[in-house]
């Protein structure tokens, strides 16, 4: 689908894209919550181009700062195409977006926390 970039935050690796397609449902941010160590997350993405793949992971560290970004660390398989995938807790609440994986591994991944995403959206509220 086509879209127009209306906001970018390079530091947090986030972009807001407006599309003309109104037929899709949206993920609620009002039901979102912060994560804790040991919590299970589910990632829905397109690793290696395989659309709709669900991966299970576990939060295995307190949030870390990497190049100024606050990221949750998780143990799960992160493959090319996983970046930007939404992550949900066991109750189906949106908790973050996949940032990527620790270089040289496939099993240590990082999530952009929901709190950072909400700040980004609030800062750009008038644009969408």
Protein backbone atom coordinates (compact mmCIF):
# COMPACT_ATOMS: atom_id res chain seq x y z
CA UNK A 1 0.00 0.00 0.00
CA UNK A 2 1.17 3.53 -0.66
CA UNK A 3 1.77 6.05 2.08
CA UNK A 4 3.33 9.37 2.96
CA UNK A 5 5.91 9.80 5.72
CA UNK A 6 4.63 12.52 8.03
CA UNK A 7 7.07 12.20 10.95
CA UNK A 8 10.42 10.56 11.64
CA UNK A 9 12.38 10.14 14.86
CA UNK A 10 15.76 8.79 13.78
CA UNK A 11 17.05 8.52 17.36
CA UNK A 12 14.20 6.17 18.36
CA UNK A 13 14.00 4.54 14.90
CA UNK A 14 10.31 5.39 14.48
CA UNK A 15 8.31 6.74 11.54
CA UNK A 16 4.68 7.76 11.19
CA UNK A 17 3.20 6.98 7.77
CA UNK A 18 -0.21 8.14 6.58
CA UNK A 19 -2.11 5.95 4.12
CA UNK A 20 -5.40 6.45 2.30
CA UNK A 21 -6.55 2.92 3.09
CA UNK A 22 -9.17 3.06 5.86
CA UNK A 23 -10.18 -0.61 5.66
CA UNK A 24 -7.69 -1.86 8.26
CA UNK A 25 -8.30 -2.22 11.96
CA UNK A 26 -6.00 -0.51 14.43
CA UNK A 27 -4.10 -1.71 17.47
CA UNK A 28 -5.39 -0.11 20.66
CA UNK A 29 -2.80 1.79 22.67
CA UNK A 30 -5.17 2.32 25.59
CA UNK A 31 -4.83 -1.33 26.62
CA UNK A 32 -1.03 -1.28 26.45
CA UNK A 33 1.24 -1.74 29.46
CA UNK A 34 4.87 -1.81 30.46
CA UNK A 35 6.78 -5.08 30.55
CA UNK A 36 8.68 -6.89 33.29
CA UNK A 37 11.51 -9.41 33.41
CA UNK A 38 10.29 -12.94 32.70
CA UNK A 39 7.23 -11.76 30.82
CA UNK A 40 6.30 -13.62 27.64
CA UNK A 41 5.77 -11.62 24.44
CA UNK A 42 4.47 -12.60 21.03
CA UNK A 43 5.79 -10.98 17.87
CA UNK A 44 3.79 -10.96 14.65
CA UNK A 45 5.91 -10.17 11.63
CA UNK A 46 7.45 -11.12 8.31
CA UNK A 47 10.82 -12.74 9.06
CA UNK A 48 12.50 -13.76 5.81
CA UNK A 49 9.38 -12.48 4.01
CA UNK A 50 7.07 -15.01 5.69
CA UNK A 51 4.06 -12.76 6.40
CA UNK A 52 2.01 -13.39 9.55
CA UNK A 53 4.68 -15.41 11.39
CA UNK A 54 4.23 -15.50 15.18
CA UNK A 55 7.29 -15.86 17.42
CA UNK A 56 7.25 -16.31 21.19
CA UNK A 57 9.87 -14.57 23.32
CA UNK A 58 10.68 -13.73 26.91
CA UNK A 59 11.87 -10.45 28.40
CA UNK A 60 15.22 -11.35 29.98
CA UNK A 61 16.69 -8.05 31.16
CA UNK A 62 15.82 -4.64 32.47
CA UNK A 63 15.57 -2.00 29.73
CA UNK A 64 18.97 -1.06 28.27
CA UNK A 65 20.25 2.11 26.68
CA UNK A 66 21.82 1.65 23.27
CA UNK A 67 23.05 4.79 21.52
CA UNK A 68 20.65 6.79 23.70
CA UNK A 69 17.65 4.56 23.00
CA UNK A 70 15.80 2.75 25.78
CA UNK A 71 15.16 -0.86 24.68
CA UNK A 72 13.78 -4.01 26.29
CA UNK A 73 15.97 -7.09 25.78
CA UNK A 74 14.27 -10.37 24.93
CA UNK A 75 15.19 -13.90 24.08
CA UNK A 76 13.58 -14.92 20.80
CA UNK A 77 14.57 -15.59 17.23
CA UNK A 78 14.94 -12.32 15.32
CA UNK A 79 15.55 -12.74 11.59
CA UNK A 80 15.75 -10.25 8.70
CA UNK A 81 12.25 -8.84 8.20
CA UNK A 82 11.38 -8.91 11.91
CA UNK A 83 12.28 -5.26 12.55
CA UNK A 84 9.20 -3.09 13.05
CA UNK A 85 7.00 -6.04 13.99
CA UNK A 86 4.48 -5.40 16.78
CA UNK A 87 4.88 -7.25 20.09
CA UNK A 88 2.02 -8.25 22.39
CA UNK A 89 1.79 -9.67 25.91
CA UNK A 90 -0.14 -12.83 26.85
CA UNK A 91 -3.37 -10.83 27.14
CA UNK A 92 -3.04 -9.38 23.63
CA UNK A 93 -1.92 -5.91 24.77
CA UNK A 94 0.47 -4.05 22.47
CA UNK A 95 3.79 -3.63 24.32
CA UNK A 96 6.33 -2.49 21.72
CA UNK A 97 7.99 -2.82 18.33
CA UNK A 98 10.91 -5.02 17.36
CA UNK A 99 14.03 -2.89 16.93
CA UNK A 100 16.36 -5.70 15.85
CA UNK A 101 18.79 -8.22 17.24
CA UNK A 102 22.16 -8.17 18.92
CA UNK A 103 24.76 -8.47 16.17
CA UNK A 104 26.21 -11.92 15.76
CA UNK A 105 23.19 -13.62 17.38
CA UNK A 106 19.72 -14.72 16.33
CA UNK A 107 18.32 -15.20 19.84
CA UNK A 108 18.86 -11.81 21.55
CA UNK A 109 16.43 -9.17 20.35
CA UNK A 110 15.37 -5.70 21.37
CA UNK A 111 11.97 -3.98 21.61
CA UNK A 112 11.15 -0.29 21.45
CA UNK A 113 8.89 0.08 24.53
CA UNK A 114 5.27 1.23 24.22
CA UNK A 115 6.06 4.30 26.36
CA UNK A 116 8.50 5.61 23.71
CA UNK A 117 5.98 4.94 20.92
CA UNK A 118 3.23 6.80 22.80
CA UNK A 119 5.49 9.84 23.29
CA UNK A 120 6.33 9.83 19.57
CA UNK A 121 2.64 9.67 18.62
CA UNK A 122 1.68 12.38 21.11
CA UNK A 123 4.40 14.69 19.74
CA UNK A 124 2.92 14.22 16.26
CA UNK A 125 -0.78 14.18 17.17
CA UNK A 126 -1.72 17.11 14.92
CA UNK A 127 -0.22 15.46 11.85
CA UNK A 128 -2.64 12.52 11.54
